[in-house]
C-alpha atoms as a PDB file:
ATOM      1  CA  MET A   1       6.296  29.666 -27.968  1.00  0.00           C
ATOM      2  CA  THR A   2       4.990  30.458 -24.533  1.00  0.00           C
ATOM      3  CA  GLY A   3       1.587  29.779 -23.042  1.00  0.00           C
ATOM      4  CA  GLN A   4      -0.435  31.400 -20.290  1.00  0.00           C
ATOM      5  CA  GLY A   5       1.636  33.472 -17.895  1.00  0.00           C
ATOM      6  CA  GLY A   6       4.619  33.247 -20.264  1.00  0.00           C
ATOM      7  CA  ARG A   7       5.264  29.598 -19.425  1.00  0.00           C
ATOM      8  CA  PRO A   8       7.302  27.607 -21.985  1.00  0.00           C
ATOM      9  CA  ARG A   9       5.350  25.111 -24.103  1.00  0.00           C
ATOM     10  CA  VAL A  10       6.546  21.617 -24.951  1.00  0.00           C
ATOM     11  CA  GLY A  11       5.555  19.168 -27.643  1.00  0.00           C
ATOM     12  CA  ILE A  12       5.668  15.475 -26.720  1.00  0.00           C
ATOM     13  CA  VAL A  13       5.958  12.731 -29.318  1.00  0.00           C
ATOM     14  CA  SER A  14       6.028   9.041 -28.394  1.00  0.00           C
ATOM     15  CA  ASP A  15       4.659   5.824 -29.836  1.00  0.00           C
ATOM     16  CA  VAL A  16       3.950   4.620 -26.271  1.00  0.00           C
ATOM     17  CA  VAL A  17       0.804   6.103 -24.702  1.00  0.00           C
ATOM     18  CA  LEU A  18       1.995   5.570 -21.126  1.00  0.00           C
ATOM     19  CA  GLN A  19       5.261   7.374 -21.862  1.00  0.00           C
ATOM     20  CA  ARG A  20       3.361  10.368 -23.250  1.00  0.00           C
ATOM     21  CA  HIS A  21       1.222  10.563 -20.131  1.00  0.00           C
ATOM     22  CA  ARG A  22       4.240  10.396 -17.815  1.00  0.00           C
ATOM     23  CA  LEU A  23       6.183  12.998 -19.773  1.00  0.00           C
ATOM     24  CA  GLN A  24       3.197  15.340 -19.751  1.00  0.00           C
ATOM     25  CA  ALA A  25       2.744  14.868 -15.979  1.00  0.00           C
ATOM     26  CA  ALA A  26       6.438  15.477 -15.298  1.00  0.00           C
ATOM     27  CA  THR A  27       6.736  18.584 -17.477  1.00  0.00           C
ATOM     28  CA  GLY A  28       3.535  19.966 -15.953  1.00  0.00           C
ATOM     29  CA  LYS A  29       5.050  19.499 -12.501  1.00  0.00           C
ATOM     30  CA  PHE A  30       7.875  21.824 -13.588  1.00  0.00           C
ATOM     31  CA  GLY A  31       5.461  24.502 -14.762  1.00  0.00           C
ATOM     32  CA  LEU A  32       5.481  23.748 -18.505  1.00  0.00           C
ATOM     33  CA  GLU A  33       2.451  23.699 -20.780  1.00  0.00           C
ATOM     34  CA  THR A  34       1.920  20.921 -23.302  1.00  0.00           C
ATOM     35  CA  CYS A  35       0.918  22.172 -26.761  1.00  0.00           C
ATOM     36  CA  PHE A  36       1.037  18.708 -28.381  1.00  0.00           C
ATOM     37  CA  SER A  37       1.080  15.143 -27.092  1.00  0.00           C
ATOM     38  CA  GLY A  38       0.659  12.301 -29.536  1.00  0.00           C
ATOM     39  CA  ASP A  39       2.261   9.599 -31.655  1.00  0.00           C
ATOM     40  CA  PRO A  40       4.438  10.301 -34.731  1.00  0.00           C
ATOM     41  CA  GLU A  41       1.629   9.635 -37.215  1.00  0.00           C
ATOM     42  CA  ARG A  42      -0.581  12.234 -35.567  1.00  0.00           C
ATOM     43  CA  LEU A  43       2.151  14.877 -35.755  1.00  0.00           C
ATOM     44  CA  LEU A  44       2.871  14.008 -39.387  1.00  0.00           C
ATOM     45  CA  GLY A  45      -0.794  14.735 -40.104  1.00  0.00           C
ATOM     46  CA  TYR A  46      -0.310  18.364 -39.096  1.00  0.00           C
ATOM     47  CA  PRO A  47       0.500  20.637 -42.090  1.00  0.00           C
ATOM     48  CA  GLU A  48       2.250  22.931 -39.607  1.00  0.00           C
ATOM     49  CA  VAL A  49       3.634  21.674 -36.320  1.00  0.00           C
ATOM     50  CA  PRO A  50       2.378  23.416 -33.140  1.00  0.00           C
ATOM     51  CA  ASP A  51       4.463  26.265 -31.798  1.00  0.00           C
ATOM     52  CA  ALA A  52       6.551  24.764 -28.983  1.00  0.00           C
ATOM     53  CA  SER A  53       9.583  26.039 -27.077  1.00  0.00           C
ATOM     54  CA  LEU A  54      10.981  22.491 -27.005  1.00  0.00           C
ATOM     55  CA  TRP A  55      10.134  19.098 -28.499  1.00  0.00           C
ATOM     56  CA  LEU A  56      10.564  15.863 -26.552  1.00  0.00           C
ATOM     57  CA  ILE A  57      10.845  12.723 -28.668  1.00  0.00           C
ATOM     58  CA  THR A  58      10.985   9.205 -27.235  1.00  0.00           C
ATOM     59  CA  LEU A  59      10.382   6.206 -29.486  1.00  0.00           C
ATOM     60  CA  GLU A  60      10.699   2.472 -29.087  1.00  0.00           C
ATOM     61  CA  ASP A  61      12.637   2.354 -32.359  1.00  0.00           C
ATOM     62  CA  GLU A  62      13.551   5.592 -34.111  1.00  0.00           C
ATOM     63  CA  ALA A  63      14.132   3.679 -37.362  1.00  0.00           C
ATOM     64  CA  ASP A  64      10.374   3.017 -37.536  1.00  0.00           C
ATOM     65  CA  HIS A  65       9.640   6.720 -38.067  1.00  0.00           C
ATOM     66  CA  PRO A  66      12.161   8.122 -40.581  1.00  0.00           C
ATOM     67  CA  ALA A  67       9.843  10.876 -41.807  1.00  0.00           C
ATOM     68  CA  LEU A  68       9.240  12.295 -38.316  1.00  0.00           C
ATOM     69  CA  PHE A  69      12.623  13.943 -37.891  1.00  0.00           C
ATOM     70  CA  ASP A  70      12.666  15.571 -41.326  1.00  0.00           C
ATOM     71  CA  HIS A  71       9.122  16.847 -40.722  1.00  0.00           C
ATOM     72  CA  LEU A  72      10.091  18.420 -37.391  1.00  0.00           C
ATOM     73  CA  LEU A  73      13.438  19.836 -38.466  1.00  0.00           C
ATOM     74  CA  GLU A  74      11.908  21.412 -41.560  1.00  0.00           C
ATOM     75  CA  GLN A  75       9.095  23.133 -39.671  1.00  0.00           C
ATOM     76  CA  THR A  76      10.573  24.332 -36.391  1.00  0.00           C
ATOM     77  CA  ASP A  77      13.656  26.121 -35.168  1.00  0.00           C
ATOM     78  CA  SER A  78      12.958  25.001 -31.593  1.00  0.00           C
ATOM     79  CA  PRO A  79      15.347  22.495 -29.986  1.00  0.00           C
ATOM     80  CA  VAL A  80      14.425  18.817 -30.202  1.00  0.00           C
ATOM     81  CA  LEU A  81      15.449  16.293 -27.547  1.00  0.00           C
ATOM     82  CA  PHE A  82      15.673  12.711 -28.807  1.00  0.00           C
ATOM     83  CA  GLY A  83      16.084   9.403 -27.008  1.00  0.00           C
ATOM     84  CA  LEU A  84      14.689  10.255 -23.579  1.00  0.00           C
ATOM     85  CA  ASP A  85      14.733   7.433 -21.037  1.00  0.00           C
ATOM     86  CA  GLN A  86      11.524   5.509 -20.551  1.00  0.00           C
ATOM     87  CA  ALA A  87       9.772   6.684 -17.374  1.00  0.00           C
ATOM     88  CA  PRO A  88       9.733   4.154 -14.509  1.00  0.00           C
ATOM     89  CA  LYS A  89       6.665   3.507 -12.364  1.00  0.00           C
ATOM     90  CA  PRO A  90       5.508   6.700 -10.579  1.00  0.00           C
ATOM     91  CA  GLY A  91       6.084   6.877  -6.844  1.00  0.00           C
ATOM     92  CA  THR A  92       9.352   4.932  -6.975  1.00  0.00           C
ATOM     93  CA  THR A  93      12.784   6.346  -6.219  1.00  0.00           C
ATOM     94  CA  GLU A  94      13.783   5.477  -9.794  1.00  0.00           C
ATOM     95  CA  TYR A  95      10.894   7.594 -11.082  1.00  0.00           C
ATOM     96  CA  PHE A  96      11.898  10.643  -9.052  1.00  0.00           C
ATOM     97  CA  ARG A  97      15.504  10.275 -10.235  1.00  0.00           C
ATOM     98  CA  TRP A  98      14.188  10.075 -13.807  1.00  0.00           C
ATOM     99  CA  GLU A  99      12.254  13.304 -13.201  1.00  0.00           C
ATOM    100  CA  ARG A 100      15.426  14.990 -11.939  1.00  0.00           C
ATOM    101  CA  ARG A 101      17.367  13.895 -15.042  1.00  0.00           C
ATOM    102  CA  LEU A 102      14.544  15.171 -17.226  1.00  0.00           C
ATOM    103  CA  LEU A 103      14.547  18.491 -15.371  1.00  0.00           C
ATOM    104  CA  GLY A 104      18.281  18.836 -16.012  1.00  0.00           C
ATOM    105  CA  LYS A 105      17.777  18.310 -19.752  1.00  0.00           C
ATOM    106  CA  LEU A 106      14.849  20.725 -19.848  1.00  0.00           C
ATOM    107  CA  GLU A 107      16.811  23.429 -18.044  1.00  0.00           C
ATOM    108  CA  GLN A 108      19.751  23.037 -20.414  1.00  0.00           C
ATOM    109  CA  GLN A 109      17.410  24.193 -23.176  1.00  0.00           C
ATOM    110  CA  LEU A 110      14.955  26.473 -21.371  1.00  0.00           C
ATOM    111  CA  GLY A 111      16.864  27.856 -18.365  1.00  0.00           C
ATOM    112  CA  LYS A 112      15.733  27.646 -14.743  1.00  0.00           C
ATOM    113  CA  LEU A 113      12.190  26.329 -14.492  1.00  0.00           C
ATOM    114  CA  GLU A 114      11.207  26.205 -10.843  1.00  0.00           C
ATOM    115  CA  GLN A 115       9.216  29.286  -9.917  1.00  0.00           C
ATOM    116  CA  LEU A 116      10.218  30.960  -6.666  1.00  0.00           C
ATOM    117  CA  ASP A 117       8.364  33.399  -4.471  1.00  0.00           C
ATOM    118  CA  SER A 118       9.168  36.984  -5.417  1.00  0.00           C
ATOM    119  CA  GLU A 119      10.038  39.879  -3.154  1.00  0.00           C
ATOM    120  CA  SER A 120       6.626  41.411  -3.889  1.00  0.00           C
ATOM    121  CA  SER A 121       4.794  38.230  -2.843  1.00  0.00           C
ATOM    122  CA  LEU A 122       6.769  38.218   0.405  1.00  0.00           C
ATOM    123  CA  ALA A 123       5.956  41.899   0.926  1.00  0.00           C
ATOM    124  CA  GLN A 124       2.249  41.073   0.597  1.00  0.00           C
ATOM    125  CA  LEU A 125       2.686  38.558   3.416  1.00  0.00           C
ATOM    126  CA  ASP A 126       4.235  41.319   5.502  1.00  0.00           C
ATOM    127  CA  GLU A 127       0.978  43.268   5.208  1.00  0.00           C
ATOM    128  CA  THR A 128      -1.256  40.305   5.992  1.00  0.00           C
ATOM    129  CA  PRO A 129      -3.011  40.382   9.393  1.00  0.00           C
ATOM    130  CA  PRO A 130      -2.519  37.474  11.809  1.00  0.00           C
ATOM    131  CA  THR A 131      -3.858  34.209  10.424  1.00  0.00           C
ATOM    132  CA  THR A 132      -5.514  33.334  13.746  1.00  0.00           C
ATOM    133  CA  SER A 133      -7.573  35.681  15.922  1.00  0.00           C
ATOM    134  CA  VAL A 134      -7.065  33.570  19.045  1.00  0.00           C
ATOM    135  CA  THR A 135      -3.581  33.147  20.493  1.00  0.00           C
ATOM    136  CA  PRO A 136      -2.913  29.399  20.729  1.00  0.00           C
ATOM    137  CA  THR A 137      -2.176  28.199  24.267  1.00  0.00           C
ATOM    138  CA  LEU A 138      -0.099  25.256  25.420  1.00  0.00           C
ATOM    139  CA  SER A 139      -1.966  22.156  26.557  1.00  0.00           C
ATOM    140  CA  GLN A 140      -1.842  21.353  30.281  1.00  0.00           C
ATOM    141  CA  TRP A 141      -0.330  17.991  29.337  1.00  0.00           C
ATOM    142  CA  ILE A 142       2.709  19.578  27.698  1.00  0.00           C
ATOM    143  CA  SER A 143       5.435  20.929  29.965  1.00  0.00           C
ATOM    144  CA  PRO A 144       6.763  24.144  28.371  1.00  0.00           C
ATOM    145  CA  ALA A 145      10.321  23.905  27.133  1.00  0.00           C
ATOM    146  CA  LEU A 146      12.942  25.722  29.167  1.00  0.00           C
ATOM    147  CA  PRO A 147      14.129  28.855  27.346  1.00  0.00           C
ATOM    148  CA  GLY A 148      17.365  28.152  25.476  1.00  0.00           C
ATOM    149  CA  SER A 149      17.169  24.380  26.006  1.00  0.00           C
ATOM    150  CA  VAL A 150      18.604  22.216  23.227  1.00  0.00           C
ATOM    151  CA  ALA A 151      15.895  20.504  21.176  1.00  0.00           C
ATOM    152  CA  GLU A 152      15.690  16.733  21.434  1.00  0.00           C
ATOM    153  CA  ASP A 153      13.208  16.527  18.572  1.00  0.00           C
ATOM    154  CA  VAL A 154      13.474  18.452  15.307  1.00  0.00           C
ATOM    155  CA  TRP A 155      10.940  18.922  12.529  1.00  0.00           C
ATOM    156  CA  ILE A 156      12.142  19.882   9.042  1.00  0.00           C
ATOM    157  CA  LEU A 157       9.853  22.287   7.187  1.00  0.00           C
ATOM    158  CA  GLY A 158      10.492  21.916   3.446  1.00  0.00           C
ATOM    159  CA  ALA A 159       8.923  24.275   0.913  1.00  0.00           C
ATOM    160  CA  SER A 160       9.233  26.036  -2.402  1.00  0.00           C
ATOM    161  CA  LEU A 161       6.716  28.115  -4.413  1.00  0.00           C
ATOM    162  CA  GLY A 162       3.871  29.141  -2.090  1.00  0.00           C
ATOM    163  CA  GLY A 163       5.769  27.816   0.898  1.00  0.00           C
ATOM    164  CA  PRO A 164       6.320  31.044   2.865  1.00  0.00           C
ATOM    165  CA  ALA A 165       2.577  31.720   3.120  1.00  0.00           C
ATOM    166  CA  ALA A 166       1.857  28.145   4.205  1.00  0.00           C
ATOM    167  CA  VAL A 167       4.705  27.999   6.736  1.00  0.00           C
ATOM    168  CA  LYS A 168       3.625  31.357   8.195  1.00  0.00           C
ATOM    169  CA  ILE A 169       0.091  30.051   8.799  1.00  0.00           C
ATOM    170  CA  PHE A 170       1.542  26.887  10.337  1.00  0.00           C
ATOM    171  CA  LEU A 171       3.779  28.832  12.749  1.00  0.00           C
ATOM    172  CA  ASP A 172       1.045  31.352  13.614  1.00  0.00           C
ATOM    173  CA  ASN A 173      -1.151  28.470  14.768  1.00  0.00           C
ATOM    174  CA  LEU A 174       1.385  26.937  17.162  1.00  0.00           C
ATOM    175  CA  PRO A 175       1.316  27.783  20.871  1.00  0.00           C
ATOM    176  CA  PRO A 176       4.510  29.050  22.523  1.00  0.00           C
ATOM    177  CA  GLY A 177       6.693  26.742  24.570  1.00  0.00           C
ATOM    178  CA  LEU A 178       6.516  23.560  22.514  1.00  0.00           C
ATOM    179  CA  PRO A 179       9.481  21.258  23.226  1.00  0.00           C
ATOM    180  CA  VAL A 180      10.581  21.097  19.600  1.00  0.00           C
ATOM    181  CA  GLY A 181      12.941  22.852  17.205  1.00  0.00           C
ATOM    182  CA  PHE A 182      12.393  23.489  13.491  1.00  0.00           C
ATOM    183  CA  ILE A 183      14.785  23.514  10.541  1.00  0.00           C
ATOM    184  CA  TYR A 184      13.376  25.406   7.577  1.00  0.00           C
ATOM    185  CA  ALA A 185      14.524  24.563   4.033  1.00  0.00           C
ATOM    186  CA  GLN A 186      12.931  27.012   1.588  1.00  0.00           C
ATOM    187  CA  HIS A 187      13.755  27.313  -2.107  1.00  0.00           C
ATOM    188  CA  ILE A 188      14.100  31.079  -2.453  1.00  0.00           C
ATOM    189  CA  ASP A 189      16.310  33.739  -3.974  1.00  0.00           C
ATOM    190  CA  GLY A 190      19.121  34.225  -1.459  1.00  0.00           C
ATOM    191  CA  ASN A 191      18.651  38.013  -1.678  1.00  0.00           C
ATOM    192  CA  PHE A 192      15.230  37.710  -0.042  1.00  0.00           C
ATOM    193  CA  THR A 193      16.196  35.815   3.119  1.00  0.00           C
ATOM    194  CA  GLU A 194      16.089  38.924   5.318  1.00  0.00           C
ATOM    195  CA  VAL A 195      12.578  39.732   4.081  1.00  0.00           C
ATOM    196  CA  LEU A 196      11.526  36.122   4.645  1.00  0.00           C
ATOM    197  CA  THR A 197      12.911  36.154   8.196  1.00  0.00           C
ATOM    198  CA  ARG A 198      11.031  39.341   9.065  1.00  0.00           C
ATOM    199  CA  VAL A 199       7.758  38.319   7.440  1.00  0.00           C
ATOM    200  CA  LEU A 200       7.465  34.866   8.969  1.00  0.00           C
ATOM    201  CA  GLY A 201       8.354  36.175  12.423  1.00  0.00           C
ATOM    202  CA  ARG A 202       5.437  38.615  12.523  1.00  0.00           C
ATOM    203  CA  HIS A 203       2.634  37.574  14.891  1.00  0.00           C
ATOM    204  CA  ALA A 204       4.352  34.212  15.568  1.00  0.00           C
ATOM    205  CA  HIS A 205       5.889  32.835  18.752  1.00  0.00           C
ATOM    206  CA  TYR A 206       8.556  31.189  16.630  1.00  0.00           C
ATOM    207  CA  GLN A 207      11.161  33.517  15.134  1.00  0.00           C
ATOM    208  CA  LEU A 208      13.296  32.644  12.125  1.00  0.00           C
ATOM    209  CA  LYS A 209      17.045  32.754  12.545  1.00  0.00           C
ATOM    210  CA  ARG A 210      19.665  32.085   9.916  1.00  0.00           C
ATOM    211  CA  ALA A 211      21.884  29.047  10.493  1.00  0.00           C
ATOM    212  CA  GLU A 212      25.154  29.810  12.291  1.00  0.00           C
ATOM    213  CA  GLU A 213      28.364  27.815  12.595  1.00  0.00           C
ATOM    214  CA  ASP A 214      28.538  25.637  15.768  1.00  0.00           C
ATOM    215  CA  TYR A 215      24.925  26.450  16.699  1.00  0.00           C
ATOM    216  CA  GLN A 216      22.780  23.783  18.381  1.00  0.00           C
ATOM    217  CA  VAL A 217      19.082  23.889  17.537  1.00  0.00           C
ATOM    218  CA  ARG A 218      17.047  25.011  20.561  1.00  0.00           C
ATOM    219  CA  ASN A 219      13.419  24.445  21.434  1.00  0.00           C
ATOM    220  CA  GLY A 220      11.357  27.172  19.790  1.00  0.00           C
ATOM    221  CA  ASP A 221      13.912  27.822  17.040  1.00  0.00           C
ATOM    222  CA  VAL A 222      13.076  28.019  13.353  1.00  0.00           C
ATOM    223  CA  VAL A 223      16.531  27.751  11.797  1.00  0.00           C
ATOM    224  CA  LEU A 224      16.560  28.917   8.176  1.00  0.00           C
ATOM    225  CA  LEU A 225      19.153  27.128   6.057  1.00  0.00           C
ATOM    226  CA  PRO A 226      20.986  29.367   3.553  1.00  0.00           C
ATOM    227  CA  VAL A 227      20.654  28.539  -0.123  1.00  0.00           C
ATOM    228  CA  GLU A 228      24.320  28.894  -1.089  1.00  0.00           C
ATOM    229  CA  ARG A 229      26.174  25.991   0.575  1.00  0.00           C
ATOM    230  CA  GLU A 230      25.308  22.720   2.269  1.00  0.00           C
ATOM    231  CA  TRP A 231      24.872  22.532   6.067  1.00  0.00           C
ATOM    232  CA  ARG A 232      25.330  19.446   8.251  1.00  0.00           C
ATOM    233  CA  PHE A 233      25.601  18.503  11.924  1.00  0.00           C
ATOM    234  CA  ASN A 234      28.929  17.673  13.526  1.00  0.00           C
ATOM    235  CA  GLU A 235      29.528  14.989  16.155  1.00  0.00           C
ATOM    236  CA  ALA A 236      28.566  17.414  18.923  1.00  0.00           C
ATOM    237  CA  GLY A 237      25.192  18.017  17.284  1.00  0.00           C
ATOM    238  CA  ALA A 238      26.022  21.552  16.142  1.00  0.00           C
ATOM    239  CA  LEU A 239      25.441  23.031  12.714  1.00  0.00           C
ATOM    240  CA  THR A 240      28.423  23.333  10.403  1.00  0.00           C
ATOM    241  CA  GLU A 241      28.703  24.755   6.897  1.00  0.00           C
ATOM    242  CA  ALA A 242      30.289  22.684   4.137  1.00  0.00           C
ATOM    243  CA  SER A 243      32.512  24.207   1.472  1.00  0.00           C
ATOM    244  CA  THR A 244      30.393  22.714  -1.322  1.00  0.00           C
ATOM    245  CA  PRO A 245      27.056  23.930  -2.717  1.00  0.00           C
ATOM    246  CA  TRP A 246      23.865  21.970  -2.164  1.00  0.00           C
ATOM    247  CA  PRO A 247      23.483  19.080  -4.633  1.00  0.00           C
ATOM    248  CA  GLY A 248      20.759  19.339  -7.224  1.00  0.00           C
ATOM    249  CA  PRO A 249      19.329  22.263  -9.170  1.00  0.00           C
ATOM    250  CA  TYR A 250      17.962  24.291  -6.235  1.00  0.00           C
ATOM    251  CA  GLY A 251      19.216  25.222  -2.785  1.00  0.00           C
ATOM    252  CA  PRO A 252      18.802  24.196  -0.166  1.00  0.00           C
ATOM    253  CA  SER A 253      18.263  20.653  -1.432  1.00  0.00           C
ATOM    254  CA  ILE A 254      15.387  19.394   0.720  1.00  0.00           C
ATOM    255  CA  ASP A 255      16.389  15.785   0.076  1.00  0.00           C
ATOM    256  CA  GLN A 256      19.893  16.525   1.354  1.00  0.00           C
ATOM    257  CA  VAL A 257      18.544  18.441   4.348  1.00  0.00           C
ATOM    258  CA  LEU A 258      16.430  15.419   5.301  1.00  0.00           C
ATOM    259  CA  LEU A 259      19.437  13.122   5.061  1.00  0.00           C
ATOM    260  CA  ASN A 260      21.812  15.438   6.930  1.00  0.00           C
ATOM    261  CA  VAL A 261      19.426  16.090   9.809  1.00  0.00           C
ATOM    262  CA  ALA A 262      18.447  12.429  10.067  1.00  0.00           C
ATOM    263  CA  ASP A 263      22.130  11.447  10.242  1.00  0.00           C
ATOM    264  CA  HIS A 264      22.295  13.184  13.627  1.00  0.00           C
ATOM    265  CA  TYR A 265      18.748  12.988  15.014  1.00  0.00           C
ATOM    266  CA  GLY A 266      17.683   9.598  13.636  1.00  0.00           C
ATOM    267  CA  PRO A 267      14.049   8.819  14.623  1.00  0.00           C
ATOM    268  CA  ARG A 268      13.863  12.180  16.474  1.00  0.00           C
ATOM    269  CA  CYS A 269      13.889  13.924  13.086  1.00  0.00           C
ATOM    270  CA  HIS A 270      10.554  14.424  11.298  1.00  0.00           C
ATOM    271  CA  ALA A 271       9.434  16.392   8.248  1.00  0.00           C
ATOM    272  CA  ILE A 272       6.541  18.391   6.831  1.00  0.00           C
ATOM    273  CA  LEU A 273       6.544  19.152   3.094  1.00  0.00           C
ATOM    274  CA  PHE A 274       4.644  22.286   2.165  1.00  0.00           C
ATOM    275  CA  SER A 275       3.696  23.907  -1.149  1.00  0.00           C
ATOM    276  CA  GLY A 276       6.231  23.803  -3.969  1.00  0.00           C
ATOM    277  CA  MET A 277       7.070  22.760  -7.508  1.00  0.00           C
ATOM    278  CA  GLY A 278       9.092  19.692  -8.430  1.00  0.00           C
ATOM    279  CA  ASN A 279       9.727  16.616  -6.296  1.00  0.00           C
ATOM    280  CA  ASP A 280      12.419  17.685  -3.818  1.00  0.00           C
ATOM    281  CA  GLY A 281      12.092  15.522  -0.705  1.00  0.00           C
ATOM    282  CA  ALA A 282      10.598  12.490  -2.443  1.00  0.00           C
ATOM    283  CA  ILE A 283      13.888  10.585  -2.739  1.00  0.00           C
ATOM    284  CA  ALA A 284      14.886  10.942   0.931  1.00  0.00           C
ATOM    285  CA  ALA A 285      11.410  10.472   2.425  1.00  0.00           C
ATOM    286  CA  PRO A 286      11.519   6.635   2.308  1.00  0.00           C
ATOM    287  CA  LEU A 287      14.890   6.678   4.093  1.00  0.00           C
ATOM    288  CA  LEU A 288      13.488   8.814   6.901  1.00  0.00           C
ATOM    289  CA  LYS A 289      10.476   6.546   7.184  1.00  0.00           C
ATOM    290  CA  ALA A 290      12.885   3.635   7.663  1.00  0.00           C
ATOM    291  CA  TYR A 291      14.326   5.543  10.659  1.00  0.00           C
ATOM    292  CA  GLY A 292      10.830   5.690  12.145  1.00  0.00           C
ATOM    293  CA  SER A 293      10.376   9.383  11.363  1.00  0.00           C
ATOM    294  CA  ARG A 294       7.014  11.003  10.698  1.00  0.00           C
ATOM    295  CA  ILE A 295       6.504  12.423   7.209  1.00  0.00           C
ATOM    296  CA  TRP A 296       3.569  14.812   6.720  1.00  0.00           C
ATOM    297  CA  VAL A 297       2.449  16.857   3.718  1.00  0.00           C
ATOM    298  CA  GLN A 298       0.301  19.880   3.028  1.00  0.00           C
ATOM    299  CA  GLU A 299      -2.895  18.804   1.314  1.00  0.00           C
ATOM    300  CA  SER A 300      -3.177  19.716  -2.356  1.00  0.00           C
ATOM    301  CA  THR A 301      -6.058  22.193  -2.445  1.00  0.00           C
ATOM    302  CA  SER A 302      -4.428  24.506   0.120  1.00  0.00           C
ATOM    303  CA  CYS A 303      -1.115  24.676  -1.802  1.00  0.00           C
ATOM    304  CA  GLY A 304       0.028  27.401  -4.149  1.00  0.00           C
ATOM    305  CA  ASN A 305       1.627  24.508  -6.056  1.00  0.00           C
ATOM    306  CA  SER A 306       1.117  20.948  -4.854  1.00  0.00           C
ATOM    307  CA  SER A 307       3.764  19.121  -6.921  1.00  0.00           C
ATOM    308  CA  MET A 308       6.270  18.784  -4.076  1.00  0.00           C
ATOM    309  CA  PRO A 309       3.940  17.478  -1.346  1.00  0.00           C
ATOM    310  CA  ASP A 310       2.083  15.340  -3.896  1.00  0.00           C
ATOM    311  CA  SER A 311       5.377  13.729  -4.941  1.00  0.00           C
ATOM    312  CA  VAL A 312       6.221  12.884  -1.333  1.00  0.00           C
ATOM    313  CA  ALA A 313       2.700  11.543  -0.764  1.00  0.00           C
ATOM    314  CA  ALA A 314       3.100   9.345  -3.864  1.00  0.00           C
ATOM    315  CA  THR A 315       5.966   7.490  -2.160  1.00  0.00           C
ATOM    316  CA  GLY A 316       3.509   6.115   0.398  1.00  0.00           C
ATOM    317  CA  CYS A 317       5.637   7.518   3.244  1.00  0.00           C
ATOM    318  CA  SER A 318       3.270  10.251   4.363  1.00  0.00           C
ATOM    319  CA  THR A 319       1.105   9.493   7.405  1.00  0.00           C
ATOM    320  CA  PHE A 320      -0.813  12.769   7.618  1.00  0.00           C
ATOM    321  CA  SER A 321      -2.035  15.383   5.151  1.00  0.00           C
ATOM    322  CA  GLY A 322      -3.725  18.647   6.027  1.00  0.00           C
ATOM    323  CA  THR A 323      -3.937  22.399   5.662  1.00  0.00           C
ATOM    324  CA  PRO A 324      -1.270  24.431   7.463  1.00  0.00           C
ATOM    325  CA  GLN A 325      -3.729  24.966  10.349  1.00  0.00           C
ATOM    326  CA  GLN A 326      -4.477  21.227  10.540  1.00  0.00           C
ATOM    327  CA  LEU A 327      -0.768  20.400  10.408  1.00  0.00           C
ATOM    328  CA  ALA A 328      -0.171  22.741  13.365  1.00  0.00           C
ATOM    329  CA  ARG A 329      -2.967  21.126  15.383  1.00  0.00           C
ATOM    330  CA  GLU A 330      -1.712  17.646  14.551  1.00  0.00           C
ATOM    331  CA  LEU A 331       1.794  18.552  15.693  1.00  0.00           C
ATOM    332  CA  VAL A 332       0.493  19.826  19.047  1.00  0.00           C
ATOM    333  CA  LYS A 333      -1.602  16.657  19.414  1.00  0.00           C
ATOM    334  CA  THR A 334       1.418  14.466  18.600  1.00  0.00           C
ATOM    335  CA  ILE A 335       3.628  16.256  21.138  1.00  0.00           C
ATOM    336  CA  GLU A 336       0.864  16.010  23.753  1.00  0.00           C
ATOM    337  CA  GLU A 337       0.541  12.256  23.203  1.00  0.00           C
ATOM    338  CA  SER A 338       4.319  11.873  23.475  1.00  0.00           C
ATOM    339  CA  CYS A 339       4.372  13.812  26.775  1.00  0.00           C
ATOM    340  CA  LEU A 340       1.538  11.694  28.181  1.00  0.00           C
ATOM    341  CA  LEU A 341       3.339   8.496  27.172  1.00  0.00           C
ATOM    342  CA  LYS A 342       6.597   9.639  28.790  1.00  0.00           C
ATOM    343  CA  GLY A 343       4.729  10.544  31.974  1.00  0.00           C
ATOM    344  CA  ARG A 344       3.080   7.127  32.088  1.00  0.00           C
ATOM    345  CA  GLN A 345       6.403   5.394  31.557  1.00  0.00           C
ATOM    346  CA  LYS A 346       7.954   7.381  34.435  1.00  0.00           C
ATOM    347  CA  ARG A 347       5.095   6.408  36.768  1.00  0.00           C
ATOM    348  CA  ASP A 348       5.354   2.741  35.770  1.00  0.00           C
ATOM    349  CA  SER A 349       9.108   2.679  36.410  1.00  0.00           C
ATOM    350  CA  ALA A 350       8.834   4.431  39.817  1.00  0.00           C
END
């Protein structure tokens, strides 16, 4: 019942072609293989139904296909999900909510689906040489941030499967002294956070630190949000831990991180979505764009899994896409342009 790499296989039956395509795309985004996708008549033509871990059935009118259910129930012991909602138009908030509901139903039958980076994959990163042979230097147009100064601008780094490698390259390619703080939301096993902190800090000017109660994000920080419970900002702009877990199937919820950080920083909060499965971040991205925030994504071919950044890009909110190295260069360029603009405004007002 499993395909390559031990991934669960699903069978999809629908009398609507578009629905079949959208179900196949959504299940593929969650790492599932499709062993059958067709209409009821096609499945009834099979003397033996394909070997699937789970069957997904969505029909315009179930009464039109009375033989389908008997055929399936007689030939498979695998669970069968009937009456799935019709998929909305891709790229819409309704579509991403539909995907989340579908994921919940899939995980009820198949267990956790999102793949996470393993301790061994993080250990391999620990042995990797620096990703840049030349130490990046700060542009003459950017005044280096004072050590320990509170960050006015914050960039959220959101990632899942393949994210640690991408974020490491991104950080390795940033010069020291940038007037910006980072908040890092990484789907990962909570037992591996110490390894992640050590690995991403190697060769980089930006060191990871775990979120602490009443801590204000400083320039040069990369604050790693724990996976267990939700974190917000209080009225003083300091981090505070909630008593409730992150909403959604995986922690930290990148959507919730975007909303919580934007509640305090407003248009001074921006986001980069790196490699990962699923669509976390796609629901909140349009809300951040409405604030005036920048939303960037890692381009697909450089991702270990591109589902997450592709989902955010599909919302139309992303204004830049690039490799981790290109994202680092674009950030430096953006900060440089901001510093030049502020300097011009000061001269004009003098």
